[in-house]
Amino acid sequence: MGKIGTILIALTSAAGLLGVASPAEAASAVQIYRVYYDSPGSDTGSNSSLNAEYVMLKNTGSSSRSLKGWTLRDKSHHVFTFPAVTLKGKKYVTIHTGRGTRTGTQLYWGSRAYIWNNTGDTAYLRTASGSPADSCSWGRTGSSKYC
């Protein structure tokens, strides 16, 4: 084995000891698909305006995933904790900012104020154990972002 092979084995071993995940291990099947951070029209603060601000998640895998205990948060530390909900493979779930009746595909933060900043923000998705699953950032332009 050459010097390069020995170095690669040493680096691979060190990464394993440090708990560094490979890209395949680090990627979550549940991803932030779209953030609609600026609801249409004037920001009136009405429940319908609040619910037009939302985050869509997609399960990119083929297996169902339990989201119970997962969290979605912004830079200002507003936190939504997922109830006992299962996201089927290749399906979406939408988390609306306002209040409403939860279904299998529509969840409601229950906030009486906007969460996502129109001038730029970041949505952070974490697993029930607190591990980062995904994030999505945007700036001052537009009203939504596909992540």
C-alpha atoms as a PDB file:
ATOM      1  CA  MET A   1       0.000   0.000   0.000  1.00  0.00           C
ATOM      2  CA  GLY A   2       1.341   3.405  -0.894  1.00  0.00           C
ATOM      3  CA  LYS A   3       1.674   6.494   1.251  1.00  0.00           C
ATOM      4  CA  ILE A   4      -1.618   7.977  -0.041  1.00  0.00           C
ATOM      5  CA  GLY A   5      -3.533   4.790   0.788  1.00  0.00           C
ATOM      6  CA  THR A   6      -2.141   4.785   4.315  1.00  0.00           C
ATOM      7  CA  ILE A   7      -3.098   8.446   4.785  1.00  0.00           C
ATOM      8  CA  LEU A   8      -6.657   7.784   3.519  1.00  0.00           C
ATOM      9  CA  ILE A   9      -7.083   4.860   5.925  1.00  0.00           C
ATOM     10  CA  ALA A  10      -5.785   6.993   8.809  1.00  0.00           C
ATOM     11  CA  LEU A  11      -8.151   9.860   7.924  1.00  0.00           C
ATOM     12  CA  THR A  12     -11.113   7.500   7.572  1.00  0.00           C
ATOM     13  CA  SER A  13     -10.343   5.928  10.952  1.00  0.00           C
ATOM     14  CA  ALA A  14      -9.952   9.338  12.602  1.00  0.00           C
ATOM     15  CA  ALA A  15     -13.276  10.527  11.161  1.00  0.00           C
ATOM     16  CA  GLY A  16     -14.984   7.423  12.541  1.00  0.00           C
ATOM     17  CA  LEU A  17     -13.482   7.977  15.993  1.00  0.00           C
ATOM     18  CA  LEU A  18     -14.553  11.613  15.987  1.00  0.00           C
ATOM     19  CA  GLY A  19     -18.110  10.677  15.003  1.00  0.00           C
ATOM     20  CA  VAL A  20     -17.929  12.557  11.715  1.00  0.00           C
ATOM     21  CA  ALA A  21     -20.731  11.423   9.452  1.00  0.00           C
ATOM     22  CA  SER A  22     -20.180  10.745   5.795  1.00  0.00           C
ATOM     23  CA  PRO A  23     -22.357  12.853   3.426  1.00  0.00           C
ATOM     24  CA  ALA A  24     -24.704   9.894   2.897  1.00  0.00           C
ATOM     25  CA  GLU A  25     -25.151   9.439   6.657  1.00  0.00           C
ATOM     26  CA  ALA A  26     -25.584  13.157   7.315  1.00  0.00           C
ATOM     27  CA  ALA A  27     -28.364  13.742   4.790  1.00  0.00           C
ATOM     28  CA  SER A  28     -31.861  13.407   6.193  1.00  0.00           C
ATOM     29  CA  ALA A  29     -34.626  11.934   4.052  1.00  0.00           C
ATOM     30  CA  VAL A  30     -36.917  14.676   5.394  1.00  0.00           C
ATOM     31  CA  GLN A  31     -35.951  18.000   3.830  1.00  0.00           C
ATOM     32  CA  ILE A  32     -37.242  21.565   3.803  1.00  0.00           C
ATOM     33  CA  TYR A  33     -38.831  21.801   0.358  1.00  0.00           C
ATOM     34  CA  ARG A  34     -40.230  25.360   0.309  1.00  0.00           C
ATOM     35  CA  VAL A  35     -40.587  28.325   2.645  1.00  0.00           C
ATOM     36  CA  TYR A  36     -43.304  30.867   1.870  1.00  0.00           C
ATOM     37  CA  TYR A  37     -42.046  33.636   4.168  1.00  0.00           C
ATOM     38  CA  ASP A  38     -44.047  36.613   2.822  1.00  0.00           C
ATOM     39  CA  SER A  39     -47.754  35.888   2.656  1.00  0.00           C
ATOM     40  CA  PRO A  40     -49.588  37.503  -0.291  1.00  0.00           C
ATOM     41  CA  GLY A  41     -50.969  41.016   0.130  1.00  0.00           C
ATOM     42  CA  SER A  42     -50.596  43.220   3.177  1.00  0.00           C
ATOM     43  CA  ASP A  43     -49.390  41.672   6.416  1.00  0.00           C
ATOM     44  CA  THR A  44     -52.641  42.213   8.304  1.00  0.00           C
ATOM     45  CA  GLY A  45     -51.927  39.718  11.073  1.00  0.00           C
ATOM     46  CA  SER A  46     -55.218  37.921  10.377  1.00  0.00           C
ATOM     47  CA  ASN A  47     -55.202  34.166  10.830  1.00  0.00           C
ATOM     48  CA  SER A  48     -55.624  33.631   7.066  1.00  0.00           C
ATOM     49  CA  SER A  49     -52.626  35.904   6.398  1.00  0.00           C
ATOM     50  CA  LEU A  50     -50.577  34.070   9.041  1.00  0.00           C
ATOM     51  CA  ASN A  51     -51.501  30.709   7.500  1.00  0.00           C
ATOM     52  CA  ALA A  52     -50.351  31.894   4.056  1.00  0.00           C
ATOM     53  CA  GLU A  53     -46.870  31.934   5.614  1.00  0.00           C
ATOM     54  CA  TYR A  54     -45.671  28.322   5.768  1.00  0.00           C
ATOM     55  CA  VAL A  55     -42.906  25.768   5.466  1.00  0.00           C
ATOM     56  CA  MET A  56     -43.283  22.616   3.371  1.00  0.00           C
ATOM     57  CA  LEU A  57     -41.255  19.518   4.164  1.00  0.00           C
ATOM     58  CA  LYS A  58     -40.764  16.586   1.823  1.00  0.00           C
ATOM     59  CA  ASN A  59     -39.850  13.025   2.664  1.00  0.00           C
ATOM     60  CA  THR A  60     -37.464  12.265  -0.194  1.00  0.00           C
ATOM     61  CA  GLY A  61     -37.200   8.614   0.818  1.00  0.00           C
ATOM     62  CA  SER A  62     -39.597   5.785   0.123  1.00  0.00           C
ATOM     63  CA  SER A  63     -40.112   4.804   3.782  1.00  0.00           C
ATOM     64  CA  SER A  64     -42.455   6.582   6.187  1.00  0.00           C
ATOM     65  CA  ARG A  65     -40.770   8.758   8.838  1.00  0.00           C
ATOM     66  CA  SER A  66     -42.082   9.690  12.263  1.00  0.00           C
ATOM     67  CA  LEU A  67     -41.663  13.416  12.925  1.00  0.00           C
ATOM     68  CA  LYS A  68     -42.750  13.227  16.570  1.00  0.00           C
ATOM     69  CA  GLY A  69     -40.499  15.481  18.620  1.00  0.00           C
ATOM     70  CA  TRP A  70     -38.721  17.023  15.615  1.00  0.00           C
ATOM     71  CA  THR A  71     -38.425  20.817  15.672  1.00  0.00           C
ATOM     72  CA  LEU A  72     -38.614  23.631  13.158  1.00  0.00           C
ATOM     73  CA  ARG A  73     -37.174  26.994  14.225  1.00  0.00           C
ATOM     74  CA  ASP A  74     -36.046  30.362  12.937  1.00  0.00           C
ATOM     75  CA  LYS A  75     -33.055  32.571  13.777  1.00  0.00           C
ATOM     76  CA  SER A  76     -35.057  34.261  16.567  1.00  0.00           C
ATOM     77  CA  HIS A  77     -35.607  30.877  18.267  1.00  0.00           C
ATOM     78  CA  HIS A  78     -39.344  30.551  17.615  1.00  0.00           C
ATOM     79  CA  VAL A  79     -39.783  26.778  17.900  1.00  0.00           C
ATOM     80  CA  PHE A  80     -42.443  24.453  16.512  1.00  0.00           C
ATOM     81  CA  THR A  81     -42.319  20.921  17.935  1.00  0.00           C
ATOM     82  CA  PHE A  82     -43.909  18.276  15.763  1.00  0.00           C
ATOM     83  CA  PRO A  83     -46.751  16.232  17.243  1.00  0.00           C
ATOM     84  CA  ALA A  84     -47.092  12.515  16.596  1.00  0.00           C
ATOM     85  CA  VAL A  85     -47.264  12.668  12.809  1.00  0.00           C
ATOM     86  CA  THR A  86     -45.874  10.284  10.208  1.00  0.00           C
ATOM     87  CA  LEU A  87     -44.720  11.552   6.841  1.00  0.00           C
ATOM     88  CA  LYS A  88     -45.118   8.895   4.166  1.00  0.00           C
ATOM     89  CA  GLY A  89     -42.446   8.323   1.563  1.00  0.00           C
ATOM     90  CA  LYS A  90     -42.297  10.893  -1.268  1.00  0.00           C
ATOM     91  CA  LYS A  91     -45.023  12.985   0.456  1.00  0.00           C
ATOM     92  CA  TYR A  92     -45.206  16.536   1.851  1.00  0.00           C
ATOM     93  CA  VAL A  93     -46.361  18.168   5.073  1.00  0.00           C
ATOM     94  CA  THR A  94     -47.054  21.897   5.419  1.00  0.00           C
ATOM     95  CA  ILE A  95     -46.529  23.806   8.667  1.00  0.00           C
ATOM     96  CA  HIS A  96     -48.641  26.993   8.680  1.00  0.00           C
ATOM     97  CA  THR A  97     -47.767  29.848  11.033  1.00  0.00           C
ATOM     98  CA  GLY A  98     -51.306  30.528  12.317  1.00  0.00           C
ATOM     99  CA  ARG A  99     -54.041  28.433  13.889  1.00  0.00           C
ATOM    100  CA  GLY A 100     -56.082  25.659  12.320  1.00  0.00           C
ATOM    101  CA  THR A 101     -57.178  22.048  12.507  1.00  0.00           C
ATOM    102  CA  ARG A 102     -54.325  19.601  12.077  1.00  0.00           C
ATOM    103  CA  THR A 103     -54.515  16.904   9.416  1.00  0.00           C
ATOM    104  CA  GLY A 104     -51.932  14.390   8.242  1.00  0.00           C
ATOM    105  CA  THR A 105     -50.546  16.875   5.725  1.00  0.00           C
ATOM    106  CA  GLN A 106     -51.414  20.273   7.276  1.00  0.00           C
ATOM    107  CA  LEU A 107     -49.967  21.341  10.631  1.00  0.00           C
ATOM    108  CA  TYR A 108     -50.402  24.652  12.465  1.00  0.00           C
ATOM    109  CA  TRP A 109     -47.846  26.490  14.596  1.00  0.00           C
ATOM    110  CA  GLY A 110     -50.621  28.301  16.463  1.00  0.00           C
ATOM    111  CA  SER A 111     -48.798  31.627  16.430  1.00  0.00           C
ATOM    112  CA  ARG A 112     -50.639  34.953  16.535  1.00  0.00           C
ATOM    113  CA  ALA A 113     -47.630  36.692  14.941  1.00  0.00           C
ATOM    114  CA  TYR A 114     -45.520  36.109  11.836  1.00  0.00           C
ATOM    115  CA  ILE A 115     -42.528  33.823  12.309  1.00  0.00           C
ATOM    116  CA  TRP A 116     -40.512  34.090   9.098  1.00  0.00           C
ATOM    117  CA  ASN A 117     -38.822  37.422   8.371  1.00  0.00           C
ATOM    118  CA  ASN A 118     -39.505  38.899   4.927  1.00  0.00           C
ATOM    119  CA  THR A 119     -36.091  40.599   4.986  1.00  0.00           C
ATOM    120  CA  GLY A 120     -34.127  37.364   5.424  1.00  0.00           C
ATOM    121  CA  ASP A 121     -34.148  34.452   7.818  1.00  0.00           C
ATOM    122  CA  THR A 122     -33.225  30.785   8.140  1.00  0.00           C
ATOM    123  CA  ALA A 123     -35.466  27.793   8.804  1.00  0.00           C
ATOM    124  CA  TYR A 124     -33.761  25.029  10.805  1.00  0.00           C
ATOM    125  CA  LEU A 125     -35.132  21.484  10.925  1.00  0.00           C
ATOM    126  CA  ARG A 126     -33.873  19.174  13.686  1.00  0.00           C
ATOM    127  CA  THR A 127     -34.611  15.567  14.534  1.00  0.00           C
ATOM    128  CA  ALA A 128     -36.170  14.503  17.848  1.00  0.00           C
ATOM    129  CA  SER A 129     -32.643  13.914  19.205  1.00  0.00           C
ATOM    130  CA  GLY A 130     -31.651  17.468  18.255  1.00  0.00           C
ATOM    131  CA  SER A 131     -29.463  16.556  15.300  1.00  0.00           C
ATOM    132  CA  PRO A 132     -29.589  18.940  12.324  1.00  0.00           C
ATOM    133  CA  ALA A 133     -31.726  17.514   9.511  1.00  0.00           C
ATOM    134  CA  ASP A 134     -31.838  20.482   7.116  1.00  0.00           C
ATOM    135  CA  SER A 135     -31.853  24.266   6.873  1.00  0.00           C
ATOM    136  CA  CYS A 136     -32.914  26.876   4.331  1.00  0.00           C
ATOM    137  CA  SER A 137     -31.934  30.564   4.203  1.00  0.00           C
ATOM    138  CA  TRP A 138     -33.226  33.494   2.152  1.00  0.00           C
ATOM    139  CA  GLY A 139     -32.577  37.199   1.736  1.00  0.00           C
ATOM    140  CA  ARG A 140     -34.627  40.349   1.110  1.00  0.00           C
ATOM    141  CA  THR A 141     -36.086  39.552  -2.311  1.00  0.00           C
ATOM    142  CA  GLY A 142     -39.093  37.492  -3.294  1.00  0.00           C
ATOM    143  CA  SER A 143     -41.811  35.954  -1.185  1.00  0.00           C
ATOM    144  CA  SER A 144     -40.836  32.283  -1.130  1.00  0.00           C
ATOM    145  CA  LYS A 145     -37.869  30.012  -1.619  1.00  0.00           C
ATOM    146  CA  TYR A 146     -37.551  26.476  -2.894  1.00  0.00           C
ATOM    147  CA  CYS A 147     -34.758  24.950  -0.870  1.00  0.00           C
END
